[in-house]
C-alpha cells in the first residue's frame, strides 16, 4: 500500500497530492533549472514545487532579483 505525499506551491501555498501540470525548480547558488514534474526529483532537498507556469515566472523573477541585487545599485522606478 502506497502513501500519498502532499506538495505545496512555493508562491501561493496551495497544497495537492496530485500535482498535474506542476513544475519543479532546482535552485542552487549559481544556477536555477526548471523541470516538468517528476516525482523522483520532487523529493530532492533543493527542489521547489510550483503549481503552474505563472508561478514559475514569479519564482524566477524573485531569484534574478536576489542574484543581481547589489547594495548601492541605482535602479529605475
PDB file of N, CA and C in Angstrom:
ATOM      1  N   UNK A   1       0.836  -1.165   0.000  1.00  0.00           N
ATOM      2  CA  UNK A   1       0.000   0.000   0.000  1.00  0.00           C
ATOM      3  C   UNK A   1       0.892   1.243   0.000  1.00  0.00           C
ATOM      4  N   UNK A   2       0.649   2.157  -0.935  1.00  0.00           N
ATOM      5  CA  UNK A   2       1.470   3.354  -1.008  1.00  0.00           C
ATOM      6  C   UNK A   2       0.789   4.511  -0.302  1.00  0.00           C
ATOM      7  N   UNK A   3       1.594   5.412   0.211  1.00  0.00           N
ATOM      8  CA  UNK A   3       1.035   6.584   0.874  1.00  0.00           C
ATOM      9  C   UNK A   3       1.119   7.777  -0.071  1.00  0.00           C
ATOM     10  N   UNK A   4       0.160   8.680   0.032  1.00  0.00           N
ATOM     11  CA  UNK A   4       0.155   9.873  -0.793  1.00  0.00           C
ATOM     12  C   UNK A   4       1.044  10.927  -0.157  1.00  0.00           C
ATOM     13  N   UNK A   5       1.715  11.663  -0.982  1.00  0.00           N
ATOM     14  CA  UNK A   5       2.553  12.741  -0.487  1.00  0.00           C
ATOM     15  C   UNK A   5       1.963  14.059  -0.973  1.00  0.00           C
ATOM     16  N   UNK A   6       1.875  15.022  -0.110  1.00  0.00           N
ATOM     17  CA  UNK A   6       1.344  16.333  -0.462  1.00  0.00           C
ATOM     18  C   UNK A   6       2.489  17.279  -0.799  1.00  0.00           C
ATOM     19  N   UNK A   7       2.247  18.142  -1.765  1.00  0.00           N
ATOM     20  CA  UNK A   7       3.227  19.142  -2.191  1.00  0.00           C
ATOM     21  C   UNK A   7       2.587  20.521  -2.100  1.00  0.00           C
ATOM     22  N   UNK A   8       3.405  21.512  -1.707  1.00  0.00           N
ATOM     23  CA  UNK A   8       2.930  22.886  -1.533  1.00  0.00           C
ATOM     24  C   UNK A   8       3.626  23.806  -2.521  1.00  0.00           C
ATOM     25  N   UNK A   9       2.849  24.643  -3.197  1.00  0.00           N
ATOM     26  CA  UNK A   9       3.417  25.620  -4.129  1.00  0.00           C
ATOM     27  C   UNK A   9       4.193  26.673  -3.346  1.00  0.00           C
ATOM     28  N   UNK A  10       5.408  26.948  -3.806  1.00  0.00           N
ATOM     29  CA  UNK A  10       6.284  27.930  -3.144  1.00  0.00           C
ATOM     30  C   UNK A  10       5.721  29.347  -3.200  1.00  0.00           C
ATOM     31  N   UNK A  11       4.857  29.640  -4.160  1.00  0.00           N
ATOM     32  CA  UNK A  11       4.360  31.001  -4.330  1.00  0.00           C
ATOM     33  C   UNK A  11       3.030  31.225  -3.618  1.00  0.00           C
ATOM     34  N   UNK A  12       2.029  30.394  -3.912  1.00  0.00           N
ATOM     35  CA  UNK A  12       0.689  30.647  -3.377  1.00  0.00           C
ATOM     36  C   UNK A  12       0.325  29.772  -2.191  1.00  0.00           C
ATOM     37  N   UNK A  13       1.090  28.721  -1.939  1.00  0.00           N
ATOM     38  CA  UNK A  13       0.843  27.879  -0.790  1.00  0.00           C
ATOM     39  C   UNK A  13      -0.209  26.798  -0.984  1.00  0.00           C
ATOM     40  N   UNK A  14      -0.781  26.676  -2.190  1.00  0.00           N
ATOM     41  CA  UNK A  14      -1.779  25.637  -2.424  1.00  0.00           C
ATOM     42  C   UNK A  14      -1.116  24.268  -2.249  1.00  0.00           C
ATOM     43  N   UNK A  15      -1.854  23.333  -1.652  1.00  0.00           N
ATOM     44  CA  UNK A  15      -1.321  22.003  -1.373  1.00  0.00           C
ATOM     45  C   UNK A  15      -2.108  20.985  -2.189  1.00  0.00           C
ATOM     46  N   UNK A  16      -1.400  20.006  -2.768  1.00  0.00           N
ATOM     47  CA  UNK A  16      -2.057  18.952  -3.538  1.00  0.00           C
ATOM     48  C   UNK A  16      -1.301  17.637  -3.384  1.00  0.00           C
ATOM     49  N   UNK A  17      -2.033  16.557  -3.568  1.00  0.00           N
ATOM     50  CA  UNK A  17      -1.414  15.235  -3.648  1.00  0.00           C
ATOM     51  C   UNK A  17      -1.382  14.756  -5.098  1.00  0.00           C
ATOM     52  N   UNK A  18      -1.913  15.570  -6.004  1.00  0.00           N
ATOM     53  CA  UNK A  18      -1.976  15.234  -7.426  1.00  0.00           C
ATOM     54  C   UNK A  18      -1.448  16.407  -8.250  1.00  0.00           C
ATOM     55  N   UNK A  19      -0.148  16.591  -8.328  1.00  0.00           N
ATOM     56  CA  UNK A  19       0.444  17.775  -8.950  1.00  0.00           C
ATOM     57  C   UNK A  19       0.480  17.745 -10.489  1.00  0.00           C
ATOM     58  N   UNK A  20      -0.687  17.602 -11.107  1.00  0.00           N
ATOM     59  CA  UNK A  20      -0.757  17.668 -12.566  1.00  0.00           C
ATOM     60  C   UNK A  20      -0.432  19.086 -13.023  1.00  0.00           C
ATOM     61  N   UNK A  21       0.340  19.206 -14.076  1.00  0.00           N
ATOM     62  CA  UNK A  21       0.732  20.498 -14.662  1.00  0.00           C
ATOM     63  C   UNK A  21       1.612  21.332 -13.741  1.00  0.00           C
ATOM     64  N   UNK A  22       2.175  20.732 -12.718  1.00  0.00           N
ATOM     65  CA  UNK A  22       3.098  21.436 -11.844  1.00  0.00           C
ATOM     66  C   UNK A  22       4.507  21.375 -12.424  1.00  0.00           C
ATOM     67  N   UNK A  23       5.371  22.222 -11.893  1.00  0.00           N
ATOM     68  CA  UNK A  23       6.771  22.273 -12.308  1.00  0.00           C
ATOM     69  C   UNK A  23       7.669  22.170 -11.082  1.00  0.00           C
ATOM     70  N   UNK A  24       8.887  21.798 -11.339  1.00  0.00           N
ATOM     71  CA  UNK A  24       9.924  21.786 -10.315  1.00  0.00           C
ATOM     72  C   UNK A  24      10.988  22.797 -10.697  1.00  0.00           C
ATOM     73  N   UNK A  25      11.538  23.442  -9.714  1.00  0.00           N
ATOM     74  CA  UNK A  25      12.689  24.302  -9.921  1.00  0.00           C
ATOM     75  C   UNK A  25      13.772  23.774  -8.998  1.00  0.00           C
ATOM     76  N   UNK A  26      14.926  23.467  -9.577  1.00  0.00           N
ATOM     77  CA  UNK A  26      16.099  23.105  -8.782  1.00  0.00           C
ATOM     78  C   UNK A  26      16.925  24.362  -8.671  1.00  0.00           C
ATOM     79  N   UNK A  27      17.141  24.775  -7.454  1.00  0.00           N
ATOM     80  CA  UNK A  27      17.757  26.068  -7.209  1.00  0.00           C
ATOM     81  C   UNK A  27      19.057  25.896  -6.453  1.00  0.00           C
ATOM     82  N   UNK A  28      20.140  26.237  -7.121  1.00  0.00           N
ATOM     83  CA  UNK A  28      21.449  26.238  -6.489  1.00  0.00           C
ATOM     84  C   UNK A  28      22.009  27.649  -6.524  1.00  0.00           C
ATOM     85  N   UNK A  29      23.131  27.852  -5.927  1.00  0.00           N
ATOM     86  CA  UNK A  29      23.708  29.183  -5.859  1.00  0.00           C
ATOM     87  C   UNK A  29      23.969  29.789  -7.241  1.00  0.00           C
ATOM     88  N   UNK A  30      24.671  29.088  -8.143  1.00  0.00           N
ATOM     89  CA  UNK A  30      24.958  29.730  -9.421  1.00  0.00           C
ATOM     90  C   UNK A  30      23.922  29.450 -10.502  1.00  0.00           C
ATOM     91  N   UNK A  31      22.947  28.568 -10.248  1.00  0.00           N
ATOM     92  CA  UNK A  31      22.012  28.235 -11.334  1.00  0.00           C
ATOM     93  C   UNK A  31      20.624  27.919 -10.829  1.00  0.00           C
ATOM     94  N   UNK A  32      19.676  28.052 -11.746  1.00  0.00           N
ATOM     95  CA  UNK A  32      18.286  27.720 -11.500  1.00  0.00           C
ATOM     96  C   UNK A  32      17.830  26.893 -12.698  1.00  0.00           C
ATOM     97  N   UNK A  33      17.230  25.731 -12.447  1.00  0.00           N
ATOM     98  CA  UNK A  33      16.797  24.836 -13.517  1.00  0.00           C
ATOM     99  C   UNK A  33      15.313  24.560 -13.364  1.00  0.00           C
ATOM    100  N   UNK A  34      14.558  24.731 -14.452  1.00  0.00           N
ATOM    101  CA  UNK A  34      13.127  24.451 -14.451  1.00  0.00           C
ATOM    102  C   UNK A  34      12.903  23.089 -15.101  1.00  0.00           C
ATOM    103  N   UNK A  35      12.130  22.237 -14.415  1.00  0.00           N
ATOM    104  CA  UNK A  35      11.838  20.890 -14.908  1.00  0.00           C
ATOM    105  C   UNK A  35      10.342  20.651 -14.906  1.00  0.00           C
ATOM    106  N   UNK A  36       9.876  19.796 -15.816  1.00  0.00           N
ATOM    107  CA  UNK A  36       8.487  19.371 -15.656  1.00  0.00           C
ATOM    108  C   UNK A  36       8.439  18.423 -14.475  1.00  0.00           C
ATOM    109  N   UNK A  37       7.250  18.228 -13.947  1.00  0.00           N
ATOM    110  CA  UNK A  37       7.084  17.477 -12.718  1.00  0.00           C
ATOM    111  C   UNK A  37       7.582  16.046 -12.854  1.00  0.00           C
ATOM    112  N   UNK A  38       8.425  15.633 -11.930  1.00  0.00           N
ATOM    113  CA  UNK A  38       8.899  14.256 -11.811  1.00  0.00           C
ATOM    114  C   UNK A  38       8.898  13.920 -10.334  1.00  0.00           C
ATOM    115  N   UNK A  39       8.169  12.899  -9.960  1.00  0.00           N
ATOM    116  CA  UNK A  39       8.040  12.554  -8.545  1.00  0.00           C
ATOM    117  C   UNK A  39       9.396  12.273  -7.906  1.00  0.00           C
ATOM    118  N   UNK A  40      10.298  11.603  -8.637  1.00  0.00           N
ATOM    119  CA  UNK A  40      11.624  11.308  -8.084  1.00  0.00           C
ATOM    120  C   UNK A  40      12.400  12.580  -7.751  1.00  0.00           C
ATOM    121  N   UNK A  41      12.311  13.569  -8.627  1.00  0.00           N
ATOM    122  CA  UNK A  41      13.042  14.826  -8.412  1.00  0.00           C
ATOM    123  C   UNK A  41      12.373  15.714  -7.372  1.00  0.00           C
ATOM    124  N   UNK A  42      11.075  15.546  -7.179  1.00  0.00           N
ATOM    125  CA  UNK A  42      10.328  16.409  -6.254  1.00  0.00           C
ATOM    126  C   UNK A  42      10.791  16.266  -4.815  1.00  0.00           C
ATOM    127  N   UNK A  43      11.375  15.132  -4.472  1.00  0.00           N
ATOM    128  CA  UNK A  43      11.822  14.910  -3.103  1.00  0.00           C
ATOM    129  C   UNK A  43      13.217  15.406  -2.794  1.00  0.00           C
ATOM    130  N   UNK A  44      13.916  15.909  -3.791  1.00  0.00           N
ATOM    131  CA  UNK A  44      15.279  16.401  -3.557  1.00  0.00           C
ATOM    132  C   UNK A  44      15.248  17.651  -2.671  1.00  0.00           C
ATOM    133  N   UNK A  45      16.275  17.823  -1.841  1.00  0.00           N
ATOM    134  CA  UNK A  45      16.281  18.968  -0.910  1.00  0.00           C
ATOM    135  C   UNK A  45      16.272  20.331  -1.600  1.00  0.00           C
ATOM    136  N   UNK A  46      16.848  20.434  -2.801  1.00  0.00           N
ATOM    137  CA  UNK A  46      16.894  21.724  -3.486  1.00  0.00           C
ATOM    138  C   UNK A  46      15.734  21.919  -4.453  1.00  0.00           C
ATOM    139  N   UNK A  47      14.750  21.012  -4.460  1.00  0.00           N
ATOM    140  CA  UNK A  47      13.597  21.123  -5.356  1.00  0.00           C
ATOM    141  C   UNK A  47      12.562  22.082  -4.778  1.00  0.00           C
ATOM    142  N   UNK A  48      12.065  22.958  -5.630  1.00  0.00           N
ATOM    143  CA  UNK A  48      10.982  23.867  -5.276  1.00  0.00           C
ATOM    144  C   UNK A  48       9.780  23.470  -6.121  1.00  0.00           C
ATOM    145  N   UNK A  49       8.601  23.447  -5.527  1.00  0.00           N
ATOM    146  CA  UNK A  49       7.380  22.987  -6.192  1.00  0.00           C
ATOM    147  C   UNK A  49       6.539  24.194  -6.577  1.00  0.00           C
ATOM    148  N   UNK A  50       6.112  24.232  -7.835  1.00  0.00           N
ATOM    149  CA  UNK A  50       5.342  25.369  -8.329  1.00  0.00           C
ATOM    150  C   UNK A  50       4.133  24.879  -9.111  1.00  0.00           C
ATOM    151  N   UNK A  51       2.959  25.461  -8.824  1.00  0.00           N
ATOM    152  CA  UNK A  51       1.692  24.925  -9.316  1.00  0.00           C
ATOM    153  C   UNK A  51       1.353  25.297 -10.753  1.00  0.00           C
ATOM    154  N   UNK A  52       2.168  26.077 -11.420  1.00  0.00           N
ATOM    155  CA  UNK A  52       1.887  26.410 -12.810  1.00  0.00           C
ATOM    156  C   UNK A  52       2.937  27.342 -13.380  1.00  0.00           C
ATOM    157  N   UNK A  53       2.797  27.608 -14.676  1.00  0.00           N
ATOM    158  CA  UNK A  53       3.777  28.432 -15.397  1.00  0.00           C
ATOM    159  C   UNK A  53       3.896  29.833 -14.803  1.00  0.00           C
ATOM    160  N   UNK A  54       2.777  30.429 -14.435  1.00  0.00           N
ATOM    161  CA  UNK A  54       2.819  31.792 -13.887  1.00  0.00           C
ATOM    162  C   UNK A  54       3.641  31.847 -12.601  1.00  0.00           C
ATOM    163  N   UNK A  55       3.530  30.834 -11.773  1.00  0.00           N
ATOM    164  CA  UNK A  55       4.288  30.846 -10.527  1.00  0.00           C
ATOM    165  C   UNK A  55       5.754  30.490 -10.741  1.00  0.00           C
ATOM    166  N   UNK A  56       6.060  29.763 -11.804  1.00  0.00           N
ATOM    167  CA  UNK A  56       7.466  29.560 -12.189  1.00  0.00           C
ATOM    168  C   UNK A  56       8.065  30.909 -12.552  1.00  0.00           C
ATOM    169  N   UNK A  57       7.320  31.714 -13.302  1.00  0.00           N
ATOM    170  CA  UNK A  57       7.811  33.036 -13.708  1.00  0.00           C
ATOM    171  C   UNK A  57       8.033  33.937 -12.499  1.00  0.00           C
ATOM    172  N   UNK A  58       7.120  33.903 -11.541  1.00  0.00           N
ATOM    173  CA  UNK A  58       7.282  34.703 -10.314  1.00  0.00           C
ATOM    174  C   UNK A  58       8.532  34.258  -9.562  1.00  0.00           C
ATOM    175  N   UNK A  59       8.701  32.942  -9.415  1.00  0.00           N
ATOM    176  CA  UNK A  59       9.860  32.417  -8.692  1.00  0.00           C
ATOM    177  C   UNK A  59      11.164  32.831  -9.380  1.00  0.00           C
ATOM    178  N   UNK A  60      11.187  32.703 -10.709  1.00  0.00           N
ATOM    179  CA  UNK A  60      12.391  33.075 -11.458  1.00  0.00           C
ATOM    180  C   UNK A  60      12.695  34.564 -11.304  1.00  0.00           C
ATOM    181  N   UNK A  61      11.677  35.388 -11.366  1.00  0.00           N
ATOM    182  CA  UNK A  61      11.865  36.826 -11.214  1.00  0.00           C
ATOM    183  C   UNK A  61      12.456  37.166  -9.848  1.00  0.00           C
ATOM    184  N   UNK A  62      11.954  36.527  -8.812  1.00  0.00           N
ATOM    185  CA  UNK A  62      12.487  36.757  -7.459  1.00  0.00           C
ATOM    186  C   UNK A  62      13.916  36.250  -7.337  1.00  0.00           C
ATOM    187  N   UNK A  63      14.204  35.131  -7.994  1.00  0.00           N
ATOM    188  CA  UNK A  63      15.562  34.587  -7.959  1.00  0.00           C
ATOM    189  C   UNK A  63      16.533  35.544  -8.646  1.00  0.00           C
ATOM    190  N   UNK A  64      16.143  36.049  -9.835  1.00  0.00           N
ATOM    191  CA  UNK A  64      17.003  37.009 -10.535  1.00  0.00           C
ATOM    192  C   UNK A  64      17.246  38.243  -9.674  1.00  0.00           C
ATOM    193  N   UNK A  65      16.197  38.725  -9.039  1.00  0.00           N
ATOM    194  CA  UNK A  65      16.342  39.898  -8.187  1.00  0.00           C
ATOM    195  C   UNK A  65      17.317  39.643  -7.045  1.00  0.00           C
ATOM    196  N   UNK A  66      17.243  38.450  -6.439  1.00  0.00           N
ATOM    197  CA  UNK A  66      18.138  38.151  -5.323  1.00  0.00           C
ATOM    198  C   UNK A  66      19.583  37.978  -5.782  1.00  0.00           C
ATOM    199  N   UNK A  67      19.772  37.455  -6.988  1.00  0.00           N
ATOM    200  CA  UNK A  67      21.123  37.237  -7.504  1.00  0.00           C
ATOM    201  C   UNK A  67      21.772  38.540  -7.940  1.00  0.00           C
ATOM    202  N   UNK A  68      20.991  39.411  -8.572  1.00  0.00           N
ATOM    203  CA  UNK A  68      21.567  40.612  -9.163  1.00  0.00           C
ATOM    204  C   UNK A  68      21.405  41.862  -8.320  1.00  0.00           C
ATOM    205  N   UNK A  69      20.738  41.760  -7.186  1.00  0.00           N
ATOM    206  CA  UNK A  69      20.583  42.921  -6.318  1.00  0.00           C
ATOM    207  C   UNK A  69      21.902  43.194  -5.605  1.00  0.00           C
ATOM    208  N   UNK A  70      22.395  44.399  -5.802  1.00  0.00           N
ATOM    209  CA  UNK A  70      23.620  44.812  -5.119  1.00  0.00           C
ATOM    210  C   UNK A  70      23.350  46.114  -4.391  1.00  0.00           C
ATOM    211  N   UNK A  71      23.717  46.219  -3.144  1.00  0.00           N
ATOM    212  CA  UNK A  71      23.519  47.471  -2.399  1.00  0.00           C
ATOM    213  C   UNK A  71      24.187  48.632  -3.127  1.00  0.00           C
ATOM    214  N   UNK A  72      23.491  49.753  -3.185  1.00  0.00           N
ATOM    215  CA  UNK A  72      24.039  50.936  -3.843  1.00  0.00           C
ATOM    216  C   UNK A  72      23.791  50.979  -5.325  1.00  0.00           C
ATOM    217  N   UNK A  73      23.266  49.916  -5.899  1.00  0.00           N
ATOM    218  CA  UNK A  73      22.978  49.896  -7.331  1.00  0.00           C
ATOM    219  C   UNK A  73      21.736  50.745  -7.599  1.00  0.00           C
ATOM    220  N   UNK A  74      21.852  51.677  -8.520  1.00  0.00           N
ATOM    221  CA  UNK A  74      20.732  52.548  -8.849  1.00  0.00           C
ATOM    222  C   UNK A  74      19.814  51.800  -9.813  1.00  0.00           C
ATOM    223  N   UNK A  75      18.535  51.747  -9.456  1.00  0.00           N
ATOM    224  CA  UNK A  75      17.561  51.060 -10.304  1.00  0.00           C
ATOM    225  C   UNK A  75      16.501  52.046 -10.756  1.00  0.00           C
ATOM    226  N   UNK A  76      15.881  51.762 -11.900  1.00  0.00           N
ATOM    227  CA  UNK A  76      14.795  52.606 -12.393  1.00  0.00           C
ATOM    228  C   UNK A  76      13.543  52.324 -11.589  1.00  0.00           C
ATOM    229  N   UNK A  77      12.751  53.347 -11.379  1.00  0.00           N
ATOM    230  CA  UNK A  77      11.489  53.199 -10.640  1.00  0.00           C
ATOM    231  C   UNK A  77      10.323  53.199 -11.585  1.00  0.00           C
TER     232      UNK A  77
END
